[in-house]
């Protein structure tokens, strides 16, 4: 009986050792996989960050170009407004000169008729 019990104990011990070894192997494999997953996640996060940084840089360049264009257009509009005012003023002067010339012509014609 003792011999049988000792034999069973040895078998159970071997079985336990095998199970412990399997568990250690699985644990090692899981740790390795976790490490690989962590590395992939960090790489993906870095790539995402780099892509966002590049997109932001491109957007800033576009915004700056648009602001420059807007400033040029605002300057152009201001100069066009000044030109319009200048032309209105010239038109007014020409209208007054024409009116005076017509009045003078009218007076000269009346004087000629007399």
N, C-alpha and C. Protein backbone atom coordinates (compact mmCIF):
# COMPACT_ATOMS: atom_id res chain seq x y z
N UNK A 1 0.85 -1.20 0.00
CA UNK A 1 0.00 0.00 0.00
C UNK A 1 0.88 1.25 0.00
N UNK A 2 1.89 1.23 0.85
CA UNK A 2 2.80 2.36 0.94
C UNK A 2 3.50 2.56 -0.40
N UNK A 3 3.93 1.47 -0.99
CA UNK A 3 4.61 1.54 -2.27
C UNK A 3 3.68 2.14 -3.33
N UNK A 4 2.45 1.71 -3.35
CA UNK A 4 1.46 2.22 -4.30
C UNK A 4 1.21 3.70 -4.07
N UNK A 5 1.10 4.09 -2.84
CA UNK A 5 0.86 5.50 -2.48
C UNK A 5 2.05 6.34 -2.91
N UNK A 6 3.28 5.83 -2.66
CA UNK A 6 4.50 6.55 -3.05
C UNK A 6 4.57 6.68 -4.57
N UNK A 7 4.17 5.64 -5.24
CA UNK A 7 4.17 5.66 -6.70
C UNK A 7 3.18 6.70 -7.22
N UNK A 8 2.00 6.73 -6.63
CA UNK A 8 0.99 7.73 -7.00
C UNK A 8 1.49 9.14 -6.72
N UNK A 9 2.16 9.26 -5.57
CA UNK A 9 2.70 10.57 -5.19
C UNK A 9 3.72 11.02 -6.23
N UNK A 10 4.59 10.11 -6.64
CA UNK A 10 5.60 10.45 -7.64
C UNK A 10 4.93 10.86 -8.97
N UNK A 11 3.91 10.12 -9.35
CA UNK A 11 3.20 10.44 -10.59
C UNK A 11 2.52 11.82 -10.48
N UNK A 12 1.91 12.04 -9.34
CA UNK A 12 1.26 13.34 -9.14
C UNK A 12 2.28 14.47 -9.12
N UNK A 13 3.43 14.22 -8.51
CA UNK A 13 4.49 15.22 -8.47
C UNK A 13 4.97 15.53 -9.88
N UNK A 14 5.20 14.46 -10.68
CA UNK A 14 5.61 14.66 -12.06
C UNK A 14 4.53 15.43 -12.84
N UNK A 15 3.31 15.03 -12.62
CA UNK A 15 2.20 15.69 -13.31
C UNK A 15 2.13 17.16 -12.91
N UNK A 16 2.30 17.42 -11.62
CA UNK A 16 2.30 18.80 -11.12
C UNK A 16 3.44 19.59 -11.73
N UNK A 17 4.63 18.99 -11.80
CA UNK A 17 5.78 19.66 -12.39
C UNK A 17 5.52 19.98 -13.86
N UNK A 18 4.90 19.05 -14.58
CA UNK A 18 4.59 19.27 -16.00
C UNK A 18 3.59 20.43 -16.15
N UNK A 19 2.57 20.41 -15.28
CA UNK A 19 1.57 21.48 -15.33
C UNK A 19 2.23 22.83 -15.01
N UNK A 20 3.10 22.84 -13.98
CA UNK A 20 3.80 24.08 -13.62
C UNK A 20 4.68 24.55 -14.77
N UNK A 21 5.36 23.62 -15.43
CA UNK A 21 6.22 23.96 -16.56
C UNK A 21 5.38 24.56 -17.70
N UNK A 22 4.25 23.91 -17.98
CA UNK A 22 3.34 24.42 -19.02
C UNK A 22 2.86 25.83 -18.67
N UNK A 23 2.50 26.01 -17.41
CA UNK A 23 2.05 27.33 -16.97
C UNK A 23 3.14 28.37 -17.13
N UNK A 24 4.36 28.00 -16.76
CA UNK A 24 5.48 28.94 -16.92
C UNK A 24 5.71 29.28 -18.39
N UNK A 25 5.62 28.26 -19.25
CA UNK A 25 5.80 28.50 -20.69
C UNK A 25 4.70 29.42 -21.21
N UNK A 26 3.46 29.14 -20.79
CA UNK A 26 2.34 29.99 -21.22
C UNK A 26 2.51 31.42 -20.71
N UNK A 27 2.95 31.52 -19.45
CA UNK A 27 3.17 32.85 -18.87
C UNK A 27 4.25 33.59 -19.66
N UNK A 28 5.34 32.89 -19.98
CA UNK A 28 6.42 33.51 -20.77
C UNK A 28 5.90 33.94 -22.14
N UNK A 29 5.13 33.05 -22.76
CA UNK A 29 4.57 33.38 -24.08
C UNK A 29 3.63 34.58 -23.99
N UNK A 30 2.81 34.62 -22.97
CA UNK A 30 1.88 35.74 -22.80
C UNK A 30 2.65 37.04 -22.55
N UNK A 31 3.71 36.97 -21.73
CA UNK A 31 4.52 38.15 -21.48
C UNK A 31 5.16 38.64 -22.77
N UNK A 32 5.67 37.70 -23.58
CA UNK A 32 6.29 38.07 -24.85
C UNK A 32 5.25 38.73 -25.77
N UNK A 33 4.06 38.12 -25.86
CA UNK A 33 3.00 38.68 -26.70
C UNK A 33 2.58 40.07 -26.21
N UNK A 34 2.49 40.21 -24.88
CA UNK A 34 2.12 41.51 -24.32
C UNK A 34 3.18 42.55 -24.66
N UNK A 35 4.44 42.15 -24.58
CA UNK A 35 5.52 43.06 -24.91
C UNK A 35 5.46 43.46 -26.39
N UNK A 36 5.22 42.49 -27.25
CA UNK A 36 5.09 42.78 -28.68
C UNK A 36 3.91 43.71 -28.95
N UNK A 37 2.78 43.41 -28.29
CA UNK A 37 1.59 44.26 -28.47
C UNK A 37 1.85 45.69 -27.98
N UNK A 38 2.55 45.79 -26.86
CA UNK A 38 2.88 47.11 -26.32
C UNK A 38 3.76 47.87 -27.31
N UNK A 39 4.76 47.18 -27.87
CA UNK A 39 5.65 47.81 -28.85
C UNK A 39 4.87 48.27 -30.08
N UNK A 40 3.96 47.41 -30.57
CA UNK A 40 3.14 47.78 -31.73
C UNK A 40 2.25 48.98 -31.41
N UNK A 41 1.68 48.96 -30.22
CA UNK A 41 0.81 50.07 -29.81
C UNK A 41 1.61 51.38 -29.72
N UNK A 42 2.79 51.31 -29.14
CA UNK A 42 3.63 52.50 -29.04
C UNK A 42 4.02 53.00 -30.43
N UNK A 43 4.35 52.08 -31.33
CA UNK A 43 4.72 52.46 -32.70
C UNK A 43 3.53 53.11 -33.40
N UNK A 44 2.34 52.51 -33.24
CA UNK A 44 1.14 53.07 -33.86
C UNK A 44 0.85 54.47 -33.30
N UNK A 45 1.02 54.63 -31.99
CA UNK A 45 0.78 55.94 -31.37
C UNK A 45 1.78 56.96 -31.90
N UNK A 46 3.02 56.57 -32.06
CA UNK A 46 4.04 57.47 -32.60
C UNK A 46 3.70 57.86 -34.04
N UNK A 47 3.33 56.87 -34.84
CA UNK A 47 2.96 57.17 -36.23
C UNK A 47 1.76 58.09 -36.29
N UNK A 48 0.78 57.84 -35.43
CA UNK A 48 -0.41 58.70 -35.38
C UNK A 48 -0.02 60.13 -34.98
N UNK A 49 0.83 60.24 -33.97
CA UNK A 49 1.28 61.55 -33.52
C UNK A 49 2.04 62.27 -34.63
N UNK A 50 2.93 61.54 -35.31
CA UNK A 50 3.70 62.13 -36.40
C UNK A 50 2.78 62.61 -37.53
N UNK A 51 1.77 61.79 -37.84
CA UNK A 51 0.82 62.16 -38.90
C UNK A 51 0.04 63.41 -38.50
N UNK A 52 -0.39 63.49 -37.25
CA UNK A 52 -1.12 64.67 -36.78
C UNK A 52 -0.23 65.90 -36.82
N UNK A 53 1.03 65.74 -36.41
CA UNK A 53 1.97 66.86 -36.42
C UNK A 53 2.16 67.37 -37.85
N UNK A 54 2.33 66.45 -38.78
CA UNK A 54 2.52 66.83 -40.19
C UNK A 54 1.26 67.50 -40.75
N UNK A 55 0.09 66.95 -40.41
CA UNK A 55 -1.17 67.55 -40.88
C UNK A 55 -1.33 68.96 -40.31
N UNK A 56 -0.99 69.14 -39.05
CA UNK A 56 -1.06 70.46 -38.43
C UNK A 56 -0.12 71.44 -39.10
N UNK A 57 1.10 70.96 -39.41
CA UNK A 57 2.08 71.83 -40.06
C UNK A 57 1.55 72.27 -41.44
N UNK A 58 1.02 71.31 -42.20
CA UNK A 58 0.48 71.64 -43.53
C UNK A 58 -0.68 72.62 -43.42
N UNK A 59 -1.55 72.40 -42.43
CA UNK A 59 -2.68 73.30 -42.23
C UNK A 59 -2.22 74.71 -41.87
N UNK A 60 -1.18 74.79 -41.04
CA UNK A 60 -0.66 76.11 -40.66
C UNK A 60 -0.10 76.84 -41.88
N UNK A 61 0.58 76.09 -42.75
CA UNK A 61 1.10 76.69 -43.98
C UNK A 61 -0.05 77.19 -44.85
N UNK A 62 -1.10 76.37 -44.98
CA UNK A 62 -2.27 76.77 -45.78
C UNK A 62 -2.94 78.00 -45.18
N UNK A 63 -3.08 77.99 -43.86
CA UNK A 63 -3.73 79.13 -43.18
C UNK A 63 -2.92 80.40 -43.42
N UNK A 64 -1.60 80.28 -43.29
CA UNK A 64 -0.74 81.44 -43.51
C UNK A 64 -0.87 81.96 -44.95
N UNK A 65 -0.90 81.02 -45.91
CA UNK A 65 -1.05 81.42 -47.32
C UNK A 65 -2.40 82.11 -47.53
N UNK A 66 -3.45 81.58 -46.91
CA UNK A 66 -4.78 82.20 -47.03
C UNK A 66 -4.81 83.59 -46.39
N UNK A 67 -4.14 83.72 -45.25
CA UNK A 67 -4.10 85.03 -44.59
C UNK A 67 -3.34 86.04 -45.45
N UNK A 68 -2.24 85.59 -46.07
CA UNK A 68 -1.49 86.48 -46.96
C UNK A 68 -2.36 86.91 -48.14
N UNK A 69 -3.08 85.94 -48.71
CA UNK A 69 -3.95 86.24 -49.85
C UNK A 69 -5.06 87.20 -49.42
N UNK A 70 -5.63 86.96 -48.24
CA UNK A 70 -6.69 87.82 -47.74
C UNK A 70 -6.17 89.25 -47.52
N UNK A 71 -4.94 89.36 -46.98
CA UNK A 71 -4.35 90.69 -46.77
C UNK A 71 -4.15 91.40 -48.10
N UNK A 72 -3.68 90.66 -49.12
CA UNK A 72 -3.51 91.26 -50.45
C UNK A 72 -4.84 91.73 -51.02
N UNK A 73 -5.87 90.89 -50.84
CA UNK A 73 -7.20 91.26 -51.35
C UNK A 73 -7.75 92.48 -50.61
N UNK A 74 -7.54 92.53 -49.30
CA UNK A 74 -8.00 93.69 -48.54
C UNK A 74 -7.28 94.95 -48.99
N UNK A 75 -5.98 94.84 -49.25
CA UNK A 75 -5.22 95.98 -49.75
C UNK A 75 -5.74 96.41 -51.13
N UNK A 76 -6.00 95.41 -51.99
CA UNK A 76 -6.52 95.69 -53.33
C UNK A 76 -7.88 96.40 -53.24
N UNK A 77 -8.75 95.90 -52.35
CA UNK A 77 -10.08 96.50 -52.18
C UNK A 77 -9.94 97.95 -51.70
N UNK A 78 -9.04 98.18 -50.76
CA UNK A 78 -8.82 99.54 -50.26
C UNK A 78 -8.35 100.46 -51.38
N UNK A 79 -7.42 99.97 -52.19
CA UNK A 79 -6.93 100.81 -53.28
C UNK A 79 -8.03 101.06 -54.32
N UNK A 80 -8.88 100.05 -54.55
CA UNK A 80 -9.99 100.23 -55.49
C UNK A 80 -11.00 101.24 -54.95
N UNK A 81 -11.25 101.21 -53.64
CA UNK A 81 -12.17 102.18 -53.04
C UNK A 81 -11.62 103.60 -53.20
N UNK A 82 -10.30 103.75 -52.98
CA UNK A 82 -9.68 105.06 -53.16
C UNK A 82 -9.80 105.51 -54.62
N UNK A 83 -9.57 104.59 -55.53
CA UNK A 83 -9.68 104.91 -56.96
C UNK A 83 -11.11 105.33 -57.31
N UNK A 84 -12.08 104.64 -56.76
CA UNK A 84 -13.50 104.99 -57.01
C UNK A 84 -13.79 106.39 -56.50
N UNK A 85 -13.31 106.69 -55.29
CA UNK A 85 -13.53 108.03 -54.74
C UNK A 85 -12.86 109.10 -55.61
N UNK A 86 -11.67 108.78 -56.08
CA UNK A 86 -10.95 109.70 -56.95
C UNK A 86 -11.73 109.92 -58.25
N UNK A 87 -12.24 108.82 -58.82
CA UNK A 87 -13.01 108.93 -60.06
C UNK A 87 -14.32 109.70 -59.84
N UNK A 88 -14.96 109.48 -58.71
CA UNK A 88 -16.19 110.23 -58.40
C UNK A 88 -15.88 111.73 -58.31
N UNK A 89 -14.77 112.04 -57.66
CA UNK A 89 -14.38 113.44 -57.51
C UNK A 89 -14.10 114.06 -58.89
N UNK A 90 -13.35 113.32 -59.73
CA UNK A 90 -13.09 113.81 -61.09
C UNK A 90 -14.37 114.00 -61.88
N UNK A 91 -15.31 113.05 -61.73
CA UNK A 91 -16.60 113.14 -62.44
C UNK A 91 -17.34 114.40 -62.01
N UNK A 92 -17.32 114.63 -60.71
CA UNK A 92 -17.99 115.82 -60.16
C UNK A 92 -17.37 117.10 -60.75
N UNK A 93 -16.03 117.13 -60.76
CA UNK A 93 -15.35 118.31 -61.32
C UNK A 93 -15.67 118.48 -62.80
N UNK A 94 -15.65 117.35 -63.53
CA UNK A 94 -15.96 117.42 -64.97
C UNK A 94 -17.41 117.84 -65.20
N UNK A 95 -18.31 117.35 -64.38
CA UNK A 95 -19.72 117.74 -64.50
C UNK A 95 -19.88 119.24 -64.26
N UNK A 96 -19.19 119.73 -63.22
CA UNK A 96 -19.27 121.17 -62.93
C UNK A 96 -18.66 122.00 -64.07
N UNK A 97 -17.53 121.53 -64.62
CA UNK A 97 -16.89 122.25 -65.73
C UNK A 97 -17.79 122.24 -66.95
N UNK A 98 -18.43 121.09 -67.21
CA UNK A 98 -19.34 121.00 -68.36
C UNK A 98 -20.53 121.92 -68.16
N UNK A 99 -21.05 121.96 -66.94
CA UNK A 99 -22.18 122.83 -66.65
C UNK A 99 -21.79 124.28 -66.88
N UNK A 100 -20.62 124.67 -66.37
CA UNK A 100 -20.13 126.04 -66.55
C UNK A 100 -19.93 126.34 -68.04
N UNK A 101 -19.34 125.35 -68.77
CA UNK A 101 -19.10 125.56 -70.21
C UNK A 101 -20.41 125.72 -70.96
N UNK A 102 -21.42 124.92 -70.58
CA UNK A 102 -22.74 125.03 -71.23
C UNK A 102 -23.39 126.38 -70.91
N UNK A 103 -23.24 126.82 -69.68
CA UNK A 103 -23.80 128.13 -69.31
C UNK A 103 -23.12 129.24 -70.09
N UNK A 104 -21.79 129.15 -70.19
CA UNK A 104 -21.03 130.16 -70.94
C UNK A 104 -21.43 130.13 -72.41
N UNK A 105 -21.57 128.91 -72.95
CA UNK A 105 -21.99 128.78 -74.35
C UNK A 105 -23.37 129.38 -74.55
N UNK A 106 -24.24 129.09 -73.59
CA UNK A 106 -25.60 129.65 -73.67
C UNK A 106 -25.56 131.16 -73.66
N UNK A 107 -24.75 131.73 -72.78
CA UNK A 107 -24.64 133.19 -72.70
C UNK A 107 -24.07 133.76 -73.98
N UNK A 108 -23.05 133.06 -74.53
CA UNK A 108 -22.43 133.54 -75.78
C UNK A 108 -23.43 133.50 -76.94
N UNK A 109 -24.23 132.42 -76.98
CA UNK A 109 -25.22 132.31 -78.04
C UNK A 109 -26.29 133.40 -77.91
N UNK A 110 -26.70 133.68 -76.64
CA UNK A 110 -27.68 134.74 -76.45
C UNK A 110 -27.11 136.09 -76.88
N UNK A 111 -25.83 136.28 -76.55
CA UNK A 111 -25.18 137.56 -76.90
C UNK A 111 -25.05 137.66 -78.42
N UNK A 112 -24.79 136.57 -79.09
CA UNK A 112 -24.64 136.58 -80.54
C UNK A 112 -25.98 136.88 -81.20
N UNK A 113 -27.04 136.32 -80.65
CA UNK A 113 -28.37 136.50 -81.22
C UNK A 113 -28.79 137.96 -81.11
N UNK A 114 -28.41 138.65 -80.11
CA UNK A 114 -28.83 140.03 -79.89
C UNK A 114 -28.26 140.94 -80.87
